[in-house]
Amino acid sequence: MSDSTPAARFLRAELQETRRRGLGKAWHTALLIAGEATGLGGPSIADLVVLRTSTDAPVIRTRAGSLDEADALLRAINADLERMSVEEFLAEWGHLKV
């Protein structure tokens, strides 16, 4: 692998729904609606996961935040996957490792 090869050839980022049940799901939904309605943000809607494209093994996993935060984080990571090598990407984002 060349140092100049974009990390996007080997890694991909996606949002994965956080699964909740029962009262936890109801509480999460109420907080999400209240946070979005007031503009204060709410609980994390999903996990942002960076996966190896060859094996689908997770390399990085972190809470994505509110709807706006999740969108911004996914965009930032996808931009870095396109412009950085794997080594550079992991140096930048590796603190979020699984």
N, C-alpha and C. Protein backbone atom coordinates (compact mmCIF):
# COMPACT_ATOMS: atom_id res chain seq x y z
N MET A 1 0.85 -1.18 0.00
CA MET A 1 0.00 0.00 0.00
C MET A 1 0.90 1.24 0.00
N SER A 2 0.64 2.11 -0.94
CA SER A 2 1.40 3.35 -1.06
C SER A 2 0.91 4.38 -0.04
N ASP A 3 1.83 5.21 0.44
CA ASP A 3 1.45 6.25 1.40
C ASP A 3 0.45 7.24 0.81
N SER A 4 0.44 7.39 -0.51
CA SER A 4 -0.46 8.36 -1.13
C SER A 4 -1.82 7.76 -1.49
N THR A 5 -2.00 6.46 -1.28
CA THR A 5 -3.28 5.82 -1.59
C THR A 5 -4.33 6.29 -0.60
N PRO A 6 -5.46 6.82 -1.10
CA PRO A 6 -6.50 7.30 -0.18
C PRO A 6 -7.05 6.18 0.72
N ALA A 7 -7.26 6.52 1.96
CA ALA A 7 -7.81 5.55 2.92
C ALA A 7 -9.17 5.03 2.48
N ALA A 8 -9.90 5.80 1.67
CA ALA A 8 -11.23 5.39 1.21
C ALA A 8 -11.18 4.11 0.37
N ARG A 9 -10.02 3.74 -0.15
CA ARG A 9 -9.90 2.48 -0.88
C ARG A 9 -9.95 1.29 0.06
N PHE A 10 -9.67 1.51 1.35
CA PHE A 10 -9.58 0.41 2.30
C PHE A 10 -10.58 0.51 3.45
N LEU A 11 -11.10 1.71 3.68
CA LEU A 11 -11.99 1.95 4.81
C LEU A 11 -13.24 2.68 4.34
N ARG A 12 -14.36 2.47 5.05
CA ARG A 12 -15.57 3.24 4.78
C ARG A 12 -16.23 3.59 6.10
N ALA A 13 -16.95 4.70 6.11
CA ALA A 13 -17.63 5.17 7.32
C ALA A 13 -19.13 5.07 7.11
N GLU A 14 -19.84 4.72 8.18
CA GLU A 14 -21.30 4.66 8.13
C GLU A 14 -21.87 4.90 9.52
N LEU A 15 -23.13 5.30 9.53
CA LEU A 15 -23.86 5.44 10.79
C LEU A 15 -24.62 4.16 11.03
N GLN A 16 -24.51 3.63 12.24
CA GLN A 16 -25.25 2.42 12.62
C GLN A 16 -26.17 2.77 13.77
N GLU A 17 -27.43 2.43 13.59
CA GLU A 17 -28.45 2.74 14.59
C GLU A 17 -28.09 2.12 15.94
N THR A 18 -28.28 2.91 16.98
CA THR A 18 -28.10 2.41 18.34
C THR A 18 -29.39 1.73 18.75
N ARG A 19 -29.32 0.47 19.10
CA ARG A 19 -30.53 -0.29 19.42
C ARG A 19 -30.87 -0.17 20.90
N ARG A 20 -32.10 0.21 21.13
CA ARG A 20 -32.61 0.33 22.50
C ARG A 20 -33.95 -0.37 22.57
N ARG A 21 -34.33 -0.78 23.78
CA ARG A 21 -35.61 -1.47 23.97
C ARG A 21 -36.34 -0.90 25.17
N GLY A 22 -37.64 -1.11 25.18
CA GLY A 22 -38.47 -0.78 26.34
C GLY A 22 -38.39 0.67 26.76
N LEU A 23 -38.23 0.85 28.09
CA LEU A 23 -38.19 2.20 28.65
C LEU A 23 -36.99 3.00 28.14
N GLY A 24 -35.89 2.34 27.90
CA GLY A 24 -34.72 3.03 27.37
C GLY A 24 -35.00 3.65 26.01
N LYS A 25 -35.74 2.92 25.18
CA LYS A 25 -36.10 3.43 23.86
C LYS A 25 -37.05 4.62 23.98
N ALA A 26 -38.05 4.50 24.85
CA ALA A 26 -39.01 5.59 25.04
C ALA A 26 -38.31 6.84 25.58
N TRP A 27 -37.44 6.67 26.56
CA TRP A 27 -36.70 7.78 27.15
C TRP A 27 -35.80 8.45 26.10
N HIS A 28 -35.10 7.64 25.33
CA HIS A 28 -34.22 8.15 24.28
C HIS A 28 -35.02 8.96 23.25
N THR A 29 -36.17 8.44 22.84
CA THR A 29 -37.02 9.13 21.87
C THR A 29 -37.50 10.47 22.41
N ALA A 30 -37.93 10.48 23.67
CA ALA A 30 -38.40 11.73 24.28
C ALA A 30 -37.27 12.76 24.35
N LEU A 31 -36.08 12.34 24.75
CA LEU A 31 -34.93 13.26 24.81
C LEU A 31 -34.54 13.76 23.42
N LEU A 32 -34.62 12.88 22.44
CA LEU A 32 -34.27 13.25 21.08
C LEU A 32 -35.22 14.32 20.55
N ILE A 33 -36.52 14.09 20.73
CA ILE A 33 -37.53 15.05 20.26
C ILE A 33 -37.37 16.38 20.98
N ALA A 34 -37.21 16.34 22.30
CA ALA A 34 -37.07 17.57 23.07
C ALA A 34 -35.81 18.33 22.67
N GLY A 35 -34.72 17.62 22.50
CA GLY A 35 -33.46 18.26 22.13
C GLY A 35 -33.52 18.89 20.76
N GLU A 36 -34.10 18.20 19.81
CA GLU A 36 -34.19 18.74 18.45
C GLU A 36 -35.18 19.91 18.40
N ALA A 37 -36.27 19.82 19.16
CA ALA A 37 -37.28 20.89 19.15
C ALA A 37 -36.74 22.18 19.76
N THR A 38 -35.89 22.06 20.76
CA THR A 38 -35.35 23.24 21.44
C THR A 38 -34.06 23.75 20.80
N GLY A 39 -33.50 22.96 19.89
CA GLY A 39 -32.25 23.36 19.26
C GLY A 39 -31.03 23.09 20.12
N LEU A 40 -31.23 22.42 21.24
CA LEU A 40 -30.12 22.12 22.15
C LEU A 40 -29.42 20.82 21.80
N GLY A 41 -29.97 20.09 20.83
CA GLY A 41 -29.42 18.78 20.51
C GLY A 41 -29.97 17.75 21.46
N GLY A 42 -29.76 16.53 21.16
CA GLY A 42 -30.29 15.47 21.99
C GLY A 42 -29.26 14.38 22.17
N PRO A 43 -29.71 13.23 22.60
CA PRO A 43 -28.79 12.11 22.78
C PRO A 43 -28.29 11.61 21.42
N SER A 44 -27.27 10.81 21.44
CA SER A 44 -26.71 10.27 20.21
C SER A 44 -27.75 9.42 19.48
N ILE A 45 -27.90 9.67 18.18
CA ILE A 45 -28.88 8.93 17.39
C ILE A 45 -28.31 7.63 16.84
N ALA A 46 -26.98 7.55 16.77
CA ALA A 46 -26.35 6.39 16.16
C ALA A 46 -24.88 6.36 16.55
N ASP A 47 -24.23 5.27 16.18
CA ASP A 47 -22.78 5.18 16.30
C ASP A 47 -22.19 5.43 14.92
N LEU A 48 -21.10 6.16 14.87
CA LEU A 48 -20.35 6.28 13.63
C LEU A 48 -19.29 5.20 13.65
N VAL A 49 -19.27 4.37 12.62
CA VAL A 49 -18.36 3.24 12.57
C VAL A 49 -17.54 3.33 11.29
N VAL A 50 -16.23 3.17 11.42
CA VAL A 50 -15.34 3.06 10.26
C VAL A 50 -14.98 1.59 10.15
N LEU A 51 -15.25 1.03 8.96
CA LEU A 51 -15.07 -0.41 8.72
C LEU A 51 -14.00 -0.65 7.66
N ARG A 52 -13.32 -1.79 7.78
CA ARG A 52 -12.44 -2.23 6.70
C ARG A 52 -13.33 -2.71 5.56
N THR A 53 -13.08 -2.26 4.36
CA THR A 53 -13.94 -2.65 3.24
C THR A 53 -13.79 -4.13 2.90
N SER A 54 -12.63 -4.71 3.14
CA SER A 54 -12.39 -6.11 2.78
C SER A 54 -13.06 -7.10 3.72
N THR A 55 -13.23 -6.72 4.99
CA THR A 55 -13.75 -7.68 5.98
C THR A 55 -14.97 -7.18 6.74
N ASP A 56 -15.32 -5.92 6.59
CA ASP A 56 -16.38 -5.28 7.38
C ASP A 56 -16.07 -5.24 8.87
N ALA A 57 -14.81 -5.45 9.23
CA ALA A 57 -14.41 -5.37 10.63
C ALA A 57 -14.33 -3.91 11.06
N PRO A 58 -14.91 -3.57 12.23
CA PRO A 58 -14.84 -2.19 12.70
C PRO A 58 -13.42 -1.81 13.12
N VAL A 59 -13.01 -0.62 12.72
CA VAL A 59 -11.70 -0.08 13.08
C VAL A 59 -11.89 1.03 14.11
N ILE A 60 -12.93 1.83 13.92
CA ILE A 60 -13.26 2.94 14.80
C ILE A 60 -14.76 2.92 15.06
N ARG A 61 -15.15 3.18 16.30
CA ARG A 61 -16.57 3.29 16.66
C ARG A 61 -16.70 4.38 17.71
N THR A 62 -17.66 5.28 17.50
CA THR A 62 -17.92 6.34 18.47
C THR A 62 -19.37 6.77 18.36
N ARG A 63 -19.89 7.36 19.40
CA ARG A 63 -21.25 7.90 19.34
C ARG A 63 -21.24 9.08 18.37
N ALA A 64 -22.27 9.13 17.53
CA ALA A 64 -22.30 10.14 16.47
C ALA A 64 -22.90 11.46 16.94
N GLY A 65 -23.65 11.46 18.03
CA GLY A 65 -24.25 12.70 18.52
C GLY A 65 -25.64 12.94 17.96
N SER A 66 -26.08 14.18 18.03
CA SER A 66 -27.41 14.56 17.53
C SER A 66 -27.43 14.46 16.01
N LEU A 67 -28.58 14.72 15.42
CA LEU A 67 -28.71 14.64 13.96
C LEU A 67 -27.68 15.52 13.25
N ASP A 68 -27.57 16.77 13.67
CA ASP A 68 -26.61 17.69 13.05
C ASP A 68 -25.17 17.26 13.29
N GLU A 69 -24.87 16.84 14.51
CA GLU A 69 -23.52 16.40 14.84
C GLU A 69 -23.14 15.15 14.05
N ALA A 70 -24.08 14.21 13.93
CA ALA A 70 -23.82 12.97 13.19
C ALA A 70 -23.52 13.28 11.72
N ASP A 71 -24.31 14.17 11.14
CA ASP A 71 -24.10 14.55 9.74
C ASP A 71 -22.73 15.20 9.56
N ALA A 72 -22.39 16.13 10.43
CA ALA A 72 -21.10 16.83 10.34
C ALA A 72 -19.93 15.86 10.54
N LEU A 73 -20.05 14.96 11.50
CA LEU A 73 -18.98 14.00 11.77
C LEU A 73 -18.79 13.05 10.59
N LEU A 74 -19.88 12.55 10.03
CA LEU A 74 -19.79 11.65 8.88
C LEU A 74 -19.16 12.36 7.69
N ARG A 75 -19.54 13.60 7.45
CA ARG A 75 -18.95 14.36 6.34
C ARG A 75 -17.45 14.58 6.55
N ALA A 76 -17.06 14.93 7.77
CA ALA A 76 -15.64 15.18 8.07
C ALA A 76 -14.82 13.91 7.88
N ILE A 77 -15.33 12.80 8.38
CA ILE A 77 -14.59 11.54 8.26
C ILE A 77 -14.51 11.11 6.80
N ASN A 78 -15.60 11.22 6.06
CA ASN A 78 -15.56 10.85 4.64
C ASN A 78 -14.59 11.72 3.86
N ALA A 79 -14.54 13.00 4.17
CA ALA A 79 -13.58 13.90 3.50
C ALA A 79 -12.15 13.47 3.81
N ASP A 80 -11.88 13.14 5.07
CA ASP A 80 -10.53 12.70 5.44
C ASP A 80 -10.18 11.35 4.83
N LEU A 81 -11.15 10.45 4.70
CA LEU A 81 -10.89 9.17 4.04
C LEU A 81 -10.47 9.37 2.59
N GLU A 82 -11.02 10.39 1.94
CA GLU A 82 -10.70 10.67 0.54
C GLU A 82 -9.33 11.33 0.37
N ARG A 83 -8.90 12.12 1.36
CA ARG A 83 -7.67 12.90 1.16
C ARG A 83 -6.46 12.37 1.93
N MET A 84 -6.67 11.47 2.88
CA MET A 84 -5.56 10.97 3.70
C MET A 84 -5.25 9.51 3.38
N SER A 85 -4.01 9.13 3.66
CA SER A 85 -3.65 7.71 3.61
C SER A 85 -4.23 7.04 4.86
N VAL A 86 -4.21 5.72 4.89
CA VAL A 86 -4.70 4.99 6.06
C VAL A 86 -3.91 5.41 7.30
N GLU A 87 -2.60 5.51 7.16
CA GLU A 87 -1.76 5.88 8.30
C GLU A 87 -2.12 7.27 8.82
N GLU A 88 -2.29 8.22 7.90
CA GLU A 88 -2.65 9.58 8.30
C GLU A 88 -4.04 9.61 8.95
N PHE A 89 -4.97 8.87 8.36
CA PHE A 89 -6.33 8.85 8.89
C PHE A 89 -6.35 8.29 10.31
N LEU A 90 -5.65 7.18 10.53
CA LEU A 90 -5.63 6.58 11.87
C LEU A 90 -4.89 7.46 12.87
N ALA A 91 -3.88 8.19 12.41
CA ALA A 91 -3.20 9.13 13.30
C ALA A 91 -4.15 10.25 13.73
N GLU A 92 -5.01 10.69 12.81
CA GLU A 92 -5.95 11.77 13.08
C GLU A 92 -7.14 11.31 13.92
N TRP A 93 -7.72 10.16 13.58
CA TRP A 93 -8.97 9.70 14.18
C TRP A 93 -8.81 8.47 15.08
N GLY A 94 -7.62 7.94 15.19
CA GLY A 94 -7.40 6.69 15.91
C GLY A 94 -7.77 6.71 17.38
N HIS A 95 -7.88 7.89 17.97
CA HIS A 95 -8.27 7.97 19.39
C HIS A 95 -9.70 7.49 19.60
N LEU A 96 -10.46 7.29 18.52
CA LEU A 96 -11.84 6.80 18.62
C LEU A 96 -11.93 5.30 18.42
N LYS A 97 -10.80 4.60 18.48
CA LYS A 97 -10.77 3.16 18.18
C LYS A 97 -11.78 2.37 19.00
N VAL A 98 -12.13 1.21 18.42
CA VAL A 98 -13.09 0.29 19.05
C VAL A 98 -12.58 -0.15 20.40
